[in-house]
């Protein structure tokens, strides 16, 4: 028996490395396996979803490394700009002593600067100091019932709104609050995150991809080897379900869409949108179903989509013409949706597509037009 046991002891150490070697080779082979193009990577983030489609060649291992990398980028932004995380950089700033300068990270400072620019250009329609009102209307992290608040509460919280209460020192990477305002970056941070994911993919050497972060979209290059443009649908609610009303061909551009049908609550047969007008402290209420902004920067597109939703079709189109904003609005007219396009939007996509969409290009809006009449 001793020779047999001795033989067994000699064979076992040789067999174990062989098993590990075979597993290692199999794992390497799987990572090197080419994936069928295009490759779509998707998951959950920020209380919504991410969907990244890459048309460049990818192996299994490259796809896994790519997803790990851009998710880390998203997690970093969430840790900085979330209003839902008590330990985020933004939450700490919102709790900082009034009147005292606070150091900010470069990304948070950049988003604050974008917010200030769009606030100025939109006549105050986009205002990130609206946080306390967002909470009051049950759309923020504050635990409140989904119901219409009392008028006196709205007036009280409206007093703590206004970009004049936020001082920015961009070069010094610092900011301070002159009043107990609460910053809410939900109208711009998701667009900024979309930009960062797109930039990350470019830094890794990819040239053809689409980034979709909860409906904020940025595309680079083409969707196939035939140089076909990426195509996205502009949604409107039909029978309570969003459907693609218009289709836009895209190349190296960002698109942000804001709609009154995505996030709301109802009380007494009245719909209350999650978009709050910082000028009166109440949810927006007008004929627009959706606003689509086309811009080089998704962060700015995101902010402008919110601003246009607040402004409404008449004032929004006046501002768009003045500021050169490329915007498409879908406005309710009786039992149909009327597309209204700014001159910059029509110039970007061309006259043929505007005719195909049945879009009216609005170069000038008559100030005397009654609010319930079609835009002229």
Protein backbone atom coordinates (compact mmCIF):
# COMPACT_ATOMS: atom_id res chain seq x y z
CA UNK A 1 0.00 0.00 0.00
CA UNK A 2 2.87 2.41 0.71
CA UNK A 3 4.04 2.62 -2.88
CA UNK A 4 0.45 3.29 -3.98
CA UNK A 5 0.05 6.13 -1.47
CA UNK A 6 3.38 7.59 -2.45
CA UNK A 7 2.34 7.57 -6.11
CA UNK A 8 -0.92 9.28 -5.27
CA UNK A 9 0.89 12.06 -3.43
CA UNK A 10 3.14 12.66 -6.41
CA UNK A 11 0.27 12.82 -8.94
CA UNK A 12 -2.06 15.21 -7.05
CA UNK A 13 0.23 18.27 -6.96
CA UNK A 14 0.76 17.94 -10.70
CA UNK A 15 -3.01 17.74 -11.42
CA UNK A 16 -4.09 20.86 -9.49
CA UNK A 17 -1.98 23.39 -11.45
CA UNK A 18 -3.21 21.77 -14.64
CA UNK A 19 -6.84 22.43 -13.66
CA UNK A 20 -6.09 26.03 -12.79
CA UNK A 21 -4.19 26.48 -16.03
CA UNK A 22 -7.11 25.17 -18.05
CA UNK A 23 -9.52 27.50 -16.22
CA UNK A 24 -7.17 30.43 -16.82
CA UNK A 25 -6.92 29.65 -20.52
CA UNK A 26 -10.71 29.35 -20.76
CA UNK A 27 -11.17 32.71 -18.99
CA UNK A 28 -8.65 34.41 -21.26
CA UNK A 29 -10.34 32.91 -24.29
CA UNK A 30 -13.73 34.25 -23.14
CA UNK A 31 -12.33 37.76 -22.60
CA UNK A 32 -10.82 37.74 -26.08
CA UNK A 33 -14.09 36.66 -27.67
CA UNK A 34 -15.26 39.30 -30.23
CA UNK A 35 -18.78 40.60 -29.64
CA UNK A 36 -21.30 41.23 -32.37
CA UNK A 37 -21.50 44.94 -33.19
CA UNK A 38 -23.06 47.13 -31.94
CA UNK A 39 -22.61 46.28 -28.27
CA UNK A 40 -25.04 47.71 -25.71
CA UNK A 41 -24.08 48.04 -22.05
CA UNK A 42 -26.87 48.94 -19.65
CA UNK A 43 -27.73 49.19 -15.98
CA UNK A 44 -29.17 51.42 -13.26
CA UNK A 45 -27.75 54.72 -12.00
CA UNK A 46 -29.04 57.96 -10.42
CA UNK A 47 -32.49 56.42 -9.89
CA UNK A 48 -32.74 55.91 -13.67
CA UNK A 49 -30.80 53.92 -16.28
CA UNK A 50 -27.74 54.09 -18.45
CA UNK A 51 -27.52 52.58 -21.93
CA UNK A 52 -24.26 52.85 -23.83
CA UNK A 53 -24.12 51.47 -27.36
CA UNK A 54 -20.71 51.08 -29.02
CA UNK A 55 -20.42 50.42 -32.75
CA UNK A 56 -16.64 49.95 -32.70
CA UNK A 57 -15.24 46.38 -32.44
CA UNK A 58 -15.22 45.08 -28.87
CA UNK A 59 -14.18 41.89 -27.14
CA UNK A 60 -15.91 40.58 -24.04
CA UNK A 61 -13.04 41.75 -21.85
CA UNK A 62 -12.91 45.20 -23.43
CA UNK A 63 -16.64 45.65 -22.94
CA UNK A 64 -16.40 44.71 -19.27
CA UNK A 65 -13.48 47.08 -18.68
CA UNK A 66 -15.25 49.88 -20.54
CA UNK A 67 -18.43 49.53 -18.51
CA UNK A 68 -16.49 49.37 -15.24
CA UNK A 69 -14.66 52.57 -16.20
CA UNK A 70 -17.64 54.74 -17.10
CA UNK A 71 -19.72 53.48 -14.17
CA UNK A 72 -16.91 54.67 -11.89
CA UNK A 73 -17.19 58.07 -13.61
CA UNK A 74 -20.94 58.11 -12.91
CA UNK A 75 -20.47 57.08 -9.29
CA UNK A 76 -18.00 59.95 -8.80
CA UNK A 77 -20.51 62.47 -10.19
CA UNK A 78 -23.27 61.02 -8.03
CA UNK A 79 -21.07 61.37 -4.94
CA UNK A 80 -20.53 65.01 -5.83
CA UNK A 81 -23.91 66.28 -7.09
CA UNK A 82 -26.64 64.10 -5.60
CA UNK A 83 -29.30 65.73 -3.45
CA UNK A 84 -30.38 62.27 -2.27
CA UNK A 85 -27.06 61.39 -0.63
CA UNK A 86 -26.55 63.20 2.67
CA UNK A 87 -22.76 62.91 2.38
CA UNK A 88 -22.51 64.20 -1.21
CA UNK A 89 -20.44 67.29 -1.90
CA UNK A 90 -23.59 69.21 -2.87
CA UNK A 91 -25.48 68.17 0.27
CA UNK A 92 -22.58 69.34 2.41
CA UNK A 93 -22.56 72.66 0.57
CA UNK A 94 -26.31 73.04 1.16
CA UNK A 95 -25.68 72.60 4.90
CA UNK A 96 -22.69 74.96 5.00
CA UNK A 97 -22.85 78.15 7.11
CA UNK A 98 -24.49 81.04 5.32
CA UNK A 99 -21.97 83.66 4.21
CA UNK A 100 -18.90 81.41 4.39
CA UNK A 101 -16.88 80.46 1.31
CA UNK A 102 -16.76 76.72 0.58
CA UNK A 103 -14.21 74.98 -1.64
CA UNK A 104 -15.75 73.06 -4.54
CA UNK A 105 -14.41 70.36 -6.83
CA UNK A 106 -13.77 71.36 -10.44
CA UNK A 107 -16.74 69.31 -11.79
CA UNK A 108 -19.20 70.81 -9.31
CA UNK A 109 -17.87 74.29 -10.05
CA UNK A 110 -18.30 73.69 -13.78
CA UNK A 111 -21.93 72.65 -13.34
CA UNK A 112 -22.58 75.69 -11.14
CA UNK A 113 -21.11 77.94 -13.85
CA UNK A 114 -23.30 76.34 -16.54
CA UNK A 115 -26.31 76.87 -14.30
CA UNK A 116 -25.48 80.54 -13.87
CA UNK A 117 -25.09 81.07 -17.63
CA UNK A 118 -28.41 79.46 -18.49
CA UNK A 119 -30.12 81.32 -15.63
CA UNK A 120 -28.93 84.63 -17.07
CA UNK A 121 -29.80 83.76 -20.69
CA UNK A 122 -33.25 82.34 -19.83
CA UNK A 123 -34.45 85.33 -17.83
CA UNK A 124 -34.31 83.27 -14.63
CA UNK A 125 -36.40 80.35 -15.91
CA UNK A 126 -33.62 77.92 -15.02
CA UNK A 127 -32.69 78.33 -11.37
CA UNK A 128 -30.85 75.66 -9.38
CA UNK A 129 -31.71 77.36 -6.07
CA UNK A 130 -35.20 75.88 -6.39
CA UNK A 131 -34.36 72.93 -4.13
CA UNK A 132 -36.69 73.79 -1.24
CA UNK A 133 -39.63 74.15 -3.61
CA UNK A 134 -38.83 70.83 -5.32
CA UNK A 135 -38.93 69.19 -1.89
CA UNK A 136 -42.17 70.97 -0.98
CA UNK A 137 -43.88 69.60 -4.08
CA UNK A 138 -42.76 66.04 -3.20
CA UNK A 139 -40.18 65.65 -5.98
CA UNK A 140 -37.04 65.84 -3.83
CA UNK A 141 -35.44 63.82 -1.03
CA UNK A 142 -37.53 65.47 1.68
CA UNK A 143 -40.18 63.00 2.82
CA UNK A 144 -43.49 64.71 2.03
CA UNK A 145 -46.91 63.47 0.87
CA UNK A 146 -47.69 63.91 -2.81
CA UNK A 147 -50.26 66.65 -2.45
CA UNK A 148 -50.66 70.34 -3.25
CA UNK A 149 -49.02 72.39 -0.49
CA UNK A 150 -50.65 75.39 1.15
CA UNK A 151 -50.16 78.81 -0.45
CA UNK A 152 -48.36 80.17 2.60
CA UNK A 153 -45.82 77.34 2.46
CA UNK A 154 -45.15 78.02 -1.22
CA UNK A 155 -44.65 81.73 -0.48
CA UNK A 156 -42.35 80.95 2.44
CA UNK A 157 -40.09 78.69 0.41
CA UNK A 158 -40.16 81.01 -2.59
CA UNK A 159 -38.34 83.54 -0.42
CA UNK A 160 -35.36 81.13 -0.31
CA UNK A 161 -35.05 80.97 -4.12
CA UNK A 162 -32.85 83.09 -6.35
CA UNK A 163 -29.41 82.90 -7.94
CA UNK A 164 -28.63 86.28 -6.41
CA UNK A 165 -28.21 84.36 -3.15
CA UNK A 166 -25.41 82.23 -4.65
CA UNK A 167 -21.96 83.73 -5.20
CA UNK A 168 -19.50 81.87 -7.40
CA UNK A 169 -15.73 82.28 -7.57
CA UNK A 170 -14.91 80.11 -10.58
CA UNK A 171 -11.19 80.78 -10.64
CA UNK A 172 -10.87 80.09 -6.92
CA UNK A 173 -13.09 76.97 -7.11
CA UNK A 174 -15.32 78.16 -4.29
CA UNK A 175 -18.87 79.36 -3.66
CA UNK A 176 -20.98 80.70 -0.83
CA UNK A 177 -24.64 81.17 0.02
CA UNK A 178 -25.82 84.57 1.20
CA UNK A 179 -29.13 83.03 2.28
CA UNK A 180 -30.24 79.56 3.34
CA UNK A 181 -30.94 78.40 -0.22
CA UNK A 182 -30.85 74.78 -1.31
CA UNK A 183 -29.19 73.91 -4.61
CA UNK A 184 -30.80 71.20 -6.75
CA UNK A 185 -28.80 70.21 -9.84
CA UNK A 186 -31.24 67.60 -11.16
CA UNK A 187 -31.90 69.79 -14.20
CA UNK A 188 -28.27 69.80 -15.32
CA UNK A 189 -26.23 67.09 -13.54
CA UNK A 190 -27.58 64.21 -15.62
CA UNK A 191 -26.61 66.06 -18.78
CA UNK A 192 -23.16 66.72 -17.37
CA UNK A 193 -22.81 63.02 -16.53
CA UNK A 194 -23.78 62.14 -20.11
CA UNK A 195 -21.00 64.41 -21.38
CA UNK A 196 -18.48 62.79 -19.06
CA UNK A 197 -19.36 59.25 -20.17
CA UNK A 198 -19.04 60.31 -23.82
CA UNK A 199 -15.69 61.95 -23.11
CA UNK A 200 -14.50 58.85 -21.25
CA UNK A 201 -15.28 56.64 -24.26
CA UNK A 202 -13.37 59.05 -26.51
CA UNK A 203 -10.38 58.96 -24.17
CA UNK A 204 -10.36 55.15 -24.45
CA UNK A 205 -10.05 55.47 -28.22
CA UNK A 206 -13.64 54.72 -29.27
CA UNK A 207 -15.13 56.78 -32.09
CA UNK A 208 -18.66 55.48 -32.72
CA UNK A 209 -21.12 55.31 -29.85
CA UNK A 210 -24.37 56.50 -28.31
CA UNK A 211 -24.71 57.38 -24.62
CA UNK A 212 -28.24 57.41 -23.19
CA UNK A 213 -28.49 58.41 -19.55
CA UNK A 214 -32.13 58.44 -18.52
CA UNK A 215 -33.15 60.00 -21.83
CA UNK A 216 -30.24 62.43 -22.16
CA UNK A 217 -28.39 61.40 -25.31
CA UNK A 218 -24.99 62.09 -26.83
CA UNK A 219 -23.70 60.49 -30.02
CA UNK A 220 -20.31 60.33 -31.71
CA UNK A 221 -19.53 58.95 -35.14
CA UNK A 222 -21.90 56.46 -36.78
CA UNK A 223 -23.99 53.45 -35.83
CA UNK A 224 -22.62 51.01 -38.42
CA UNK A 225 -19.92 50.41 -41.02
CA UNK A 226 -22.09 52.07 -43.68
CA UNK A 227 -21.73 55.44 -41.86
CA UNK A 228 -25.42 55.53 -40.99
CA UNK A 229 -26.37 58.27 -38.57
CA UNK A 230 -27.73 57.49 -35.16
CA UNK A 231 -31.50 57.98 -34.97
CA UNK A 232 -33.57 58.85 -31.93
CA UNK A 233 -37.29 59.31 -31.44
CA UNK A 234 -38.88 62.37 -29.83
CA UNK A 235 -41.57 61.03 -27.51
CA UNK A 236 -45.07 62.27 -26.77
CA UNK A 237 -47.71 60.55 -24.61
CA UNK A 238 -50.33 58.72 -26.64
CA UNK A 239 -53.08 57.06 -24.62
CA UNK A 240 -50.88 57.48 -21.58
CA UNK A 241 -47.89 55.72 -23.17
CA UNK A 242 -44.90 57.59 -24.65
CA UNK A 243 -44.47 57.00 -28.39
CA UNK A 244 -41.95 58.37 -30.90
CA UNK A 245 -43.69 61.25 -32.68
CA UNK A 246 -40.61 62.47 -34.60
CA UNK A 247 -37.30 60.80 -35.51
CA UNK A 248 -34.07 62.80 -35.61
CA UNK A 249 -30.85 61.72 -37.39
CA UNK A 250 -27.83 62.60 -35.23
CA UNK A 251 -24.08 62.88 -35.66
CA UNK A 252 -21.60 64.21 -33.06
CA UNK A 253 -24.23 66.07 -31.05
CA UNK A 254 -26.16 65.99 -27.78
CA UNK A 255 -29.93 65.91 -27.27
CA UNK A 256 -31.90 66.54 -24.10
CA UNK A 257 -35.66 66.21 -23.81
CA UNK A 258 -37.98 67.40 -21.08
CA UNK A 259 -41.60 66.24 -20.92
CA UNK A 260 -44.51 66.92 -18.59
CA UNK A 261 -45.59 63.25 -18.77
CA UNK A 262 -42.52 61.63 -17.19
CA UNK A 263 -42.71 62.60 -13.53
CA UNK A 264 -45.83 64.00 -11.91
CA UNK A 265 -48.61 63.38 -9.43
CA UNK A 266 -52.34 63.94 -9.72
CA UNK A 267 -54.82 65.47 -7.28
CA UNK A 268 -58.47 66.26 -7.99
CA UNK A 269 -57.99 65.32 -11.66
CA UNK A 270 -55.19 67.90 -11.98
CA UNK A 271 -51.69 66.88 -13.07
CA UNK A 272 -48.74 68.47 -11.25
CA UNK A 273 -45.44 68.31 -13.14
CA UNK A 274 -42.06 67.76 -11.45
CA UNK A 275 -40.76 70.88 -13.23
CA UNK A 276 -41.19 73.84 -10.88
CA UNK A 277 -41.35 77.42 -12.12
CA UNK A 278 -38.85 79.25 -9.86
CA UNK A 279 -40.68 82.52 -10.48
CA UNK A 280 -43.97 81.58 -8.84
CA UNK A 281 -43.04 78.39 -6.96
CA UNK A 282 -45.57 76.17 -8.74
CA UNK A 283 -45.39 73.31 -11.27
CA UNK A 284 -45.50 74.35 -14.91
CA UNK A 285 -48.88 74.25 -16.64
CA UNK A 286 -49.15 74.87 -20.37
CA UNK A 287 -49.77 73.20 -23.72
CA UNK A 288 -46.29 71.83 -24.35
CA UNK A 289 -45.92 68.06 -24.14
CA UNK A 290 -42.17 67.98 -24.69
CA UNK A 291 -39.13 70.12 -25.39
CA UNK A 292 -36.07 68.81 -27.26
CA UNK A 293 -32.78 70.72 -27.24
CA UNK A 294 -29.86 70.00 -29.57
CA UNK A 295 -26.48 71.29 -28.36
CA UNK A 296 -22.77 70.47 -28.37
CA UNK A 297 -22.93 70.10 -24.57
CA UNK A 298 -25.48 67.78 -22.99
CA UNK A 299 -25.20 69.66 -19.71
CA UNK A 300 -26.29 72.87 -21.42
CA UNK A 301 -28.93 71.03 -23.44
CA UNK A 302 -30.30 69.56 -20.20
CA UNK A 303 -30.46 72.96 -18.52
CA UNK A 304 -32.06 74.61 -21.56
CA UNK A 305 -34.69 71.85 -21.80
CA UNK A 306 -35.77 72.69 -18.26
CA UNK A 307 -35.67 76.42 -18.97
CA UNK A 308 -37.83 76.06 -22.09
CA UNK A 309 -40.31 73.90 -20.18
CA UNK A 310 -40.69 76.69 -17.65
CA UNK A 311 -40.91 79.47 -20.24
CA UNK A 312 -43.61 77.83 -22.35
CA UNK A 313 -43.92 77.99 -26.11
CA UNK A 314 -44.30 81.73 -26.73
CA UNK A 315 -41.69 83.11 -24.34
CA UNK A 316 -39.45 80.09 -24.90
CA UNK A 317 -39.35 80.55 -28.67
CA UNK A 318 -38.57 84.25 -28.25
CA UNK A 319 -35.63 83.40 -25.99
CA UNK A 320 -34.51 80.60 -28.34
CA UNK A 321 -34.43 82.98 -31.32
CA UNK A 322 -32.51 85.57 -29.31
CA UNK A 323 -29.97 83.12 -27.84
CA UNK A 324 -29.59 80.85 -30.85
CA UNK A 325 -30.92 77.79 -29.00
CA UNK A 326 -31.87 74.82 -31.19
CA UNK A 327 -35.23 73.71 -29.78
CA UNK A 328 -38.16 71.62 -30.98
CA UNK A 329 -41.41 71.91 -29.04
CA UNK A 330 -44.36 69.58 -29.36
CA UNK A 331 -47.45 71.61 -28.49
CA UNK A 332 -50.99 70.35 -27.99
CA UNK A 333 -53.38 71.73 -30.60
CA UNK A 334 -56.83 70.16 -30.29
CA UNK A 335 -56.34 66.40 -30.86
CA UNK A 336 -52.83 66.54 -32.37
CA UNK A 337 -49.26 67.57 -31.64
CA UNK A 338 -47.86 70.59 -33.49
CA UNK A 339 -44.05 70.67 -33.83
CA UNK A 340 -42.63 74.18 -33.41
CA UNK A 341 -38.95 74.69 -34.25
CA UNK A 342 -36.57 77.54 -33.56
CA UNK A 343 -34.44 78.89 -36.46
CA UNK A 344 -31.31 77.25 -34.99
CA UNK A 345 -33.04 73.86 -34.86
CA UNK A 346 -34.22 74.17 -38.48
CA UNK A 347 -30.76 75.23 -39.61
CA UNK A 348 -29.15 72.23 -37.89
CA UNK A 349 -31.44 69.59 -39.42
CA UNK A 350 -32.34 71.27 -42.73
CA UNK A 351 -35.53 72.37 -44.43
CA UNK A 352 -36.35 68.93 -45.85
CA UNK A 353 -36.65 67.34 -42.42
CA UNK A 354 -38.73 70.26 -41.14
CA UNK A 355 -41.17 69.76 -44.03
CA UNK A 356 -41.24 66.01 -43.42
CA UNK A 357 -41.98 66.59 -39.72
CA UNK A 358 -44.63 69.19 -40.47
CA UNK A 359 -42.76 71.58 -38.18
CA UNK A 360 -43.45 75.29 -38.14
CA UNK A 361 -40.28 77.36 -37.90
CA UNK A 362 -40.95 80.23 -35.51
CA UNK A 363 -38.60 83.12 -36.14
CA UNK A 364 -40.68 85.76 -34.36
CA UNK A 365 -43.41 85.49 -31.75
CA UNK A 366 -46.02 88.24 -31.57
CA UNK A 367 -46.09 89.55 -28.02
CA UNK A 368 -49.80 90.33 -28.17
CA UNK A 369 -50.77 86.72 -28.99
CA UNK A 370 -53.22 85.46 -26.32
CA UNK A 371 -51.86 82.60 -24.24
CA UNK A 372 -54.50 80.16 -25.54
CA UNK A 373 -53.90 80.92 -29.24
CA UNK A 374 -51.43 79.11 -31.51
CA UNK A 375 -48.00 80.69 -31.72
CA UNK A 376 -47.70 83.10 -34.65
